[in-house]
Amino acid sequence: MMDWLRDNVWAAWLGIAVVLGLAELASLDFTLLMLAAGAITAAGVGALFPHLLWLQIVVGLVTAAAMLGAIRPLLVRKMHHTGELKTGSAHVIGRSGVVVKEIHPDGGGSIKLNGELWTARPYDDVSTIQPGTRVEVMSIDGATAVVYPIGQPIDHTLPELRGPEKTEPKDSEPPR
């Protein structure tokens, strides 16, 4: 048995890696996963140099330490510190849309937001927001978006349908 283990030490390292990997499934801490990666590299070294146990241990420890120091913090940050999941209508708060039907304090206005049509009202009791104006959703009241303008109205008509543009005379410099 000892002769087989000495000749197949890589299999022992793989066994250790599998046990650590399965234990990681229970903890979800990513520490045991990094140790399993060290055991896998030690298995690789064990396959190439079966009689150099010290080299296998050193390579496994260096790999595990590097993984714990460099990769684990990135994984933990990504998995455990993602933003709060917003569900329902809360996912539209802070998003911007465009007014498609005039918004006035009495209601009846609407906006296009993420490709959907929403009823909307202004954030105060006096504002009227014209069609084409970019707005941002401040809150949701029932099924109505409470919005405030963040830009000037966008003119969607073609220039030839608008009619002649009114231009003010400019002071021009006399020719030289």
C-alpha atoms as a PDB file:
ATOM      1  CA  MET A   1       0.000   0.000   0.000  1.00  0.00           C
ATOM      2  CA  MET A   2       2.778   2.421   0.915  1.00  0.00           C
ATOM      3  CA  ASP A   3       4.610   1.647  -2.305  1.00  0.00           C
ATOM      4  CA  TRP A   4       1.483   2.402  -4.342  1.00  0.00           C
ATOM      5  CA  LEU A   5       0.912   5.669  -2.449  1.00  0.00           C
ATOM      6  CA  ARG A   6       4.546   6.663  -2.934  1.00  0.00           C
ATOM      7  CA  ASP A   7       4.253   6.035  -6.676  1.00  0.00           C
ATOM      8  CA  ASN A   8       0.810   7.639  -6.987  1.00  0.00           C
ATOM      9  CA  VAL A   9       1.022  10.548  -4.575  1.00  0.00           C
ATOM     10  CA  TRP A  10      -0.777  12.700  -7.135  1.00  0.00           C
ATOM     11  CA  ALA A  11      -3.923  10.600  -6.492  1.00  0.00           C
ATOM     12  CA  ALA A  12      -3.725  11.436  -2.788  1.00  0.00           C
ATOM     13  CA  TRP A  13      -3.485  15.134  -3.607  1.00  0.00           C
ATOM     14  CA  LEU A  14      -6.500  14.856  -5.917  1.00  0.00           C
ATOM     15  CA  GLY A  15      -8.408  13.079  -3.151  1.00  0.00           C
ATOM     16  CA  ILE A  16      -7.582  15.935  -0.773  1.00  0.00           C
ATOM     17  CA  ALA A  17      -8.703  18.454  -3.424  1.00  0.00           C
ATOM     18  CA  VAL A  18     -12.032  16.648  -3.886  1.00  0.00           C
ATOM     19  CA  VAL A  19     -12.679  16.533  -0.119  1.00  0.00           C
ATOM     20  CA  LEU A  20     -11.850  20.251   0.183  1.00  0.00           C
ATOM     21  CA  GLY A  21     -14.055  21.050  -2.825  1.00  0.00           C
ATOM     22  CA  LEU A  22     -17.003  19.187  -1.331  1.00  0.00           C
ATOM     23  CA  ALA A  23     -16.473  20.877   2.034  1.00  0.00           C
ATOM     24  CA  GLU A  24     -16.477  24.222   0.203  1.00  0.00           C
ATOM     25  CA  LEU A  25     -20.004  23.496  -1.018  1.00  0.00           C
ATOM     26  CA  ALA A  26     -21.115  23.460   2.613  1.00  0.00           C
ATOM     27  CA  SER A  27     -19.247  26.604   3.700  1.00  0.00           C
ATOM     28  CA  LEU A  28     -19.396  28.846   0.583  1.00  0.00           C
ATOM     29  CA  ASP A  29     -16.539  30.850   2.063  1.00  0.00           C
ATOM     30  CA  PHE A  30     -14.076  30.306  -0.847  1.00  0.00           C
ATOM     31  CA  THR A  31     -11.269  29.475   1.605  1.00  0.00           C
ATOM     32  CA  LEU A  32     -11.477  25.715   1.141  1.00  0.00           C
ATOM     33  CA  LEU A  33     -11.752  26.198  -2.612  1.00  0.00           C
ATOM     34  CA  MET A  34      -8.420  28.033  -2.640  1.00  0.00           C
ATOM     35  CA  LEU A  35      -6.848  25.223  -0.580  1.00  0.00           C
ATOM     36  CA  ALA A  36      -8.290  22.721  -3.080  1.00  0.00           C
ATOM     37  CA  ALA A  37      -6.569  24.660  -5.883  1.00  0.00           C
ATOM     38  CA  GLY A  38      -3.290  24.297  -3.982  1.00  0.00           C
ATOM     39  CA  ALA A  39      -3.896  20.552  -3.661  1.00  0.00           C
ATOM     40  CA  ILE A  40      -4.564  20.301  -7.406  1.00  0.00           C
ATOM     41  CA  THR A  41      -1.264  22.007  -8.240  1.00  0.00           C
ATOM     42  CA  ALA A  42       0.487  19.725  -5.756  1.00  0.00           C
ATOM     43  CA  ALA A  43      -1.118  16.782  -7.600  1.00  0.00           C
ATOM     44  CA  GLY A  44       0.358  18.078 -10.845  1.00  0.00           C
ATOM     45  CA  VAL A  45       3.808  18.344  -9.306  1.00  0.00           C
ATOM     46  CA  GLY A  46       3.295  14.896  -7.739  1.00  0.00           C
ATOM     47  CA  ALA A  47       2.568  13.413 -11.166  1.00  0.00           C
ATOM     48  CA  LEU A  48       5.776  14.904 -12.564  1.00  0.00           C
ATOM     49  CA  PHE A  49       8.009  14.414  -9.514  1.00  0.00           C
ATOM     50  CA  PRO A  50       6.490  11.621  -7.410  1.00  0.00           C
ATOM     51  CA  HIS A  51       9.480  11.316  -5.063  1.00  0.00           C
ATOM     52  CA  LEU A  52       9.834  15.006  -4.211  1.00  0.00           C
ATOM     53  CA  LEU A  53       7.186  15.398  -1.510  1.00  0.00           C
ATOM     54  CA  TRP A  54       8.744  18.628  -0.204  1.00  0.00           C
ATOM     55  CA  LEU A  55       8.359  20.245  -3.663  1.00  0.00           C
ATOM     56  CA  GLN A  56       4.719  19.160  -3.867  1.00  0.00           C
ATOM     57  CA  ILE A  57       3.993  20.666  -0.447  1.00  0.00           C
ATOM     58  CA  VAL A  58       5.792  23.941  -1.231  1.00  0.00           C
ATOM     59  CA  VAL A  59       4.087  24.373  -4.602  1.00  0.00           C
ATOM     60  CA  GLY A  60       0.687  23.526  -3.073  1.00  0.00           C
ATOM     61  CA  LEU A  61       1.157  25.995  -0.202  1.00  0.00           C
ATOM     62  CA  VAL A  62       2.402  28.798  -2.466  1.00  0.00           C
ATOM     63  CA  THR A  63      -0.535  28.279  -4.832  1.00  0.00           C
ATOM     64  CA  ALA A  64      -3.059  28.203  -1.985  1.00  0.00           C
ATOM     65  CA  ALA A  65      -1.551  31.343  -0.413  1.00  0.00           C
ATOM     66  CA  ALA A  66      -1.584  33.188  -3.737  1.00  0.00           C
ATOM     67  CA  MET A  67      -5.197  32.185  -4.351  1.00  0.00           C
ATOM     68  CA  LEU A  68      -6.212  33.211  -0.822  1.00  0.00           C
ATOM     69  CA  GLY A  69      -4.470  36.571  -1.192  1.00  0.00           C
ATOM     70  CA  ALA A  70      -5.379  37.477  -4.761  1.00  0.00           C
ATOM     71  CA  ILE A  71      -8.418  35.581  -6.015  1.00  0.00           C
ATOM     72  CA  ARG A  72     -10.525  35.018  -2.887  1.00  0.00           C
ATOM     73  CA  PRO A  73     -11.021  38.735  -2.066  1.00  0.00           C
ATOM     74  CA  LEU A  74     -12.261  39.345  -5.610  1.00  0.00           C
ATOM     75  CA  LEU A  75     -14.682  36.436  -5.428  1.00  0.00           C
ATOM     76  CA  VAL A  76     -15.981  37.433  -1.997  1.00  0.00           C
ATOM     77  CA  ARG A  77     -16.516  41.028  -3.108  1.00  0.00           C
ATOM     78  CA  LYS A  78     -18.322  39.898  -6.240  1.00  0.00           C
ATOM     79  CA  MET A  79     -20.531  37.320  -4.549  1.00  0.00           C
ATOM     80  CA  HIS A  80     -21.339  38.912  -1.209  1.00  0.00           C
ATOM     81  CA  HIS A  81     -21.258  42.630  -1.849  1.00  0.00           C
ATOM     82  CA  THR A  82     -23.423  43.042  -4.905  1.00  0.00           C
ATOM     83  CA  GLY A  83     -26.032  45.782  -4.841  1.00  0.00           C
ATOM     84  CA  GLU A  84     -29.400  45.343  -3.281  1.00  0.00           C
ATOM     85  CA  LEU A  85     -31.829  43.526  -5.558  1.00  0.00           C
ATOM     86  CA  LYS A  86     -34.686  45.830  -6.418  1.00  0.00           C
ATOM     87  CA  THR A  87     -37.925  44.109  -7.288  1.00  0.00           C
ATOM     88  CA  GLY A  88     -41.343  45.283  -8.407  1.00  0.00           C
ATOM     89  CA  SER A  89     -41.692  48.921  -9.300  1.00  0.00           C
ATOM     90  CA  ALA A  90     -38.705  49.955  -7.142  1.00  0.00           C
ATOM     91  CA  HIS A  91     -36.339  48.986  -9.975  1.00  0.00           C
ATOM     92  CA  VAL A  92     -37.336  52.095 -11.963  1.00  0.00           C
ATOM     93  CA  ILE A  93     -36.532  54.657  -9.255  1.00  0.00           C
ATOM     94  CA  GLY A  94     -33.607  56.764 -10.438  1.00  0.00           C
ATOM     95  CA  ARG A  95     -34.041  55.773 -14.086  1.00  0.00           C
ATOM     96  CA  SER A  96     -34.777  58.274 -16.800  1.00  0.00           C
ATOM     97  CA  GLY A  97     -37.463  58.280 -19.456  1.00  0.00           C
ATOM     98  CA  VAL A  98     -39.133  60.606 -21.949  1.00  0.00           C
ATOM     99  CA  VAL A  99     -42.513  62.289 -21.575  1.00  0.00           C
ATOM    100  CA  VAL A 100     -44.907  61.108 -24.293  1.00  0.00           C
ATOM    101  CA  LYS A 101     -48.066  62.803 -23.003  1.00  0.00           C
ATOM    102  CA  GLU A 102     -48.013  66.115 -21.138  1.00  0.00           C
ATOM    103  CA  ILE A 103     -47.613  65.667 -17.396  1.00  0.00           C
ATOM    104  CA  HIS A 104     -49.545  68.085 -15.221  1.00  0.00           C
ATOM    105  CA  PRO A 105     -50.480  68.128 -11.526  1.00  0.00           C
ATOM    106  CA  ASP A 106     -54.022  66.910 -12.238  1.00  0.00           C
ATOM    107  CA  GLY A 107     -52.629  63.641 -13.658  1.00  0.00           C
ATOM    108  CA  GLY A 108     -53.111  62.004 -17.008  1.00  0.00           C
ATOM    109  CA  GLY A 109     -49.522  62.266 -18.217  1.00  0.00           C
ATOM    110  CA  SER A 110     -47.341  59.404 -19.330  1.00  0.00           C
ATOM    111  CA  ILE A 111     -43.694  58.573 -19.930  1.00  0.00           C
ATOM    112  CA  LYS A 112     -41.777  55.945 -21.868  1.00  0.00           C
ATOM    113  CA  LEU A 113     -39.413  54.191 -19.482  1.00  0.00           C
ATOM    114  CA  ASN A 114     -37.301  51.161 -20.428  1.00  0.00           C
ATOM    115  CA  GLY A 115     -39.590  50.592 -23.415  1.00  0.00           C
ATOM    116  CA  GLU A 116     -42.721  50.596 -21.242  1.00  0.00           C
ATOM    117  CA  LEU A 117     -45.456  53.204 -20.948  1.00  0.00           C
ATOM    118  CA  TRP A 118     -46.012  54.496 -17.402  1.00  0.00           C
ATOM    119  CA  THR A 119     -48.555  56.944 -16.058  1.00  0.00           C
ATOM    120  CA  ALA A 120     -46.770  59.840 -14.451  1.00  0.00           C
ATOM    121  CA  ARG A 121     -47.262  62.943 -12.373  1.00  0.00           C
ATOM    122  CA  PRO A 122     -44.853  65.763 -11.495  1.00  0.00           C
ATOM    123  CA  TYR A 123     -42.931  65.762  -8.228  1.00  0.00           C
ATOM    124  CA  ASP A 124     -44.707  68.962  -7.117  1.00  0.00           C
ATOM    125  CA  ASP A 125     -48.255  70.323  -7.370  1.00  0.00           C
ATOM    126  CA  VAL A 126     -47.499  73.134  -9.847  1.00  0.00           C
ATOM    127  CA  SER A 127     -45.190  71.826 -12.582  1.00  0.00           C
ATOM    128  CA  THR A 128     -46.277  70.906 -16.084  1.00  0.00           C
ATOM    129  CA  ILE A 129     -43.813  68.842 -18.100  1.00  0.00           C
ATOM    130  CA  GLN A 130     -44.029  68.933 -21.885  1.00  0.00           C
ATOM    131  CA  PRO A 131     -43.781  65.928 -24.233  1.00  0.00           C
ATOM    132  CA  GLY A 132     -40.230  65.138 -25.310  1.00  0.00           C
ATOM    133  CA  THR A 133     -38.723  66.217 -21.990  1.00  0.00           C
ATOM    134  CA  ARG A 134     -36.350  63.772 -20.327  1.00  0.00           C
ATOM    135  CA  VAL A 135     -37.435  63.010 -16.782  1.00  0.00           C
ATOM    136  CA  GLU A 136     -36.081  60.997 -13.895  1.00  0.00           C
ATOM    137  CA  VAL A 137     -38.257  58.835 -11.659  1.00  0.00           C
ATOM    138  CA  MET A 138     -38.128  60.109  -8.090  1.00  0.00           C
ATOM    139  CA  SER A 139     -40.566  57.600  -6.572  1.00  0.00           C
ATOM    140  CA  ILE A 140     -43.472  55.316  -7.361  1.00  0.00           C
ATOM    141  CA  ASP A 141     -46.930  56.082  -6.018  1.00  0.00           C
ATOM    142  CA  GLY A 142     -49.125  53.046  -6.654  1.00  0.00           C
ATOM    143  CA  ALA A 143     -48.736  52.514 -10.411  1.00  0.00           C
ATOM    144  CA  THR A 144     -47.774  56.137 -11.116  1.00  0.00           C
ATOM    145  CA  ALA A 145     -44.219  57.350 -11.564  1.00  0.00           C
ATOM    146  CA  VAL A 146     -43.450  60.590  -9.721  1.00  0.00           C
ATOM    147  CA  VAL A 147     -40.992  62.416 -11.978  1.00  0.00           C
ATOM    148  CA  TYR A 148     -38.985  65.601 -12.364  1.00  0.00           C
ATOM    149  CA  PRO A 149     -37.509  67.053 -15.553  1.00  0.00           C
ATOM    150  CA  ILE A 150     -33.801  66.626 -16.267  1.00  0.00           C
ATOM    151  CA  GLY A 151     -33.641  68.178 -19.718  1.00  0.00           C
ATOM    152  CA  GLN A 152     -35.290  70.337 -22.332  1.00  0.00           C
ATOM    153  CA  PRO A 153     -38.098  68.988 -24.538  1.00  0.00           C
ATOM    154  CA  ILE A 154     -36.918  67.084 -27.596  1.00  0.00           C
ATOM    155  CA  ASP A 155     -38.560  68.218 -30.842  1.00  0.00           C
ATOM    156  CA  HIS A 156     -39.560  65.059 -32.727  1.00  0.00           C
ATOM    157  CA  THR A 157     -41.047  66.757 -35.817  1.00  0.00           C
ATOM    158  CA  LEU A 158     -39.196  66.907 -39.092  1.00  0.00           C
ATOM    159  CA  PRO A 159     -37.727  70.310 -40.012  1.00  0.00           C
ATOM    160  CA  GLU A 160     -39.898  70.611 -43.145  1.00  0.00           C
ATOM    161  CA  LEU A 161     -43.043  70.129 -41.026  1.00  0.00           C
ATOM    162  CA  ARG A 162     -42.063  72.741 -38.434  1.00  0.00           C
ATOM    163  CA  GLY A 163     -42.299  75.648 -40.784  1.00  0.00           C
ATOM    164  CA  PRO A 164     -39.881  78.507 -41.175  1.00  0.00           C
ATOM    165  CA  GLU A 165     -37.580  78.949 -38.240  1.00  0.00           C
ATOM    166  CA  LYS A 166     -37.669  82.272 -36.544  1.00  0.00           C
ATOM    167  CA  THR A 167     -34.207  83.648 -36.338  1.00  0.00           C
ATOM    168  CA  GLU A 168     -33.148  86.840 -34.786  1.00  0.00           C
ATOM    169  CA  PRO A 169     -30.942  89.133 -36.809  1.00  0.00           C
ATOM    170  CA  LYS A 170     -27.301  88.770 -35.909  1.00  0.00           C
ATOM    171  CA  ASP A 171     -24.826  91.541 -35.870  1.00  0.00           C
ATOM    172  CA  SER A 172     -22.627  90.812 -38.794  1.00  0.00           C
ATOM    173  CA  GLU A 173     -19.233  92.170 -39.411  1.00  0.00           C
ATOM    174  CA  PRO A 174     -18.837  94.363 -42.486  1.00  0.00           C
ATOM    175  CA  PRO A 175     -16.864  92.758 -45.304  1.00  0.00           C
ATOM    176  CA  ARG A 176     -13.174  93.641 -45.415  1.00  0.00           C
END
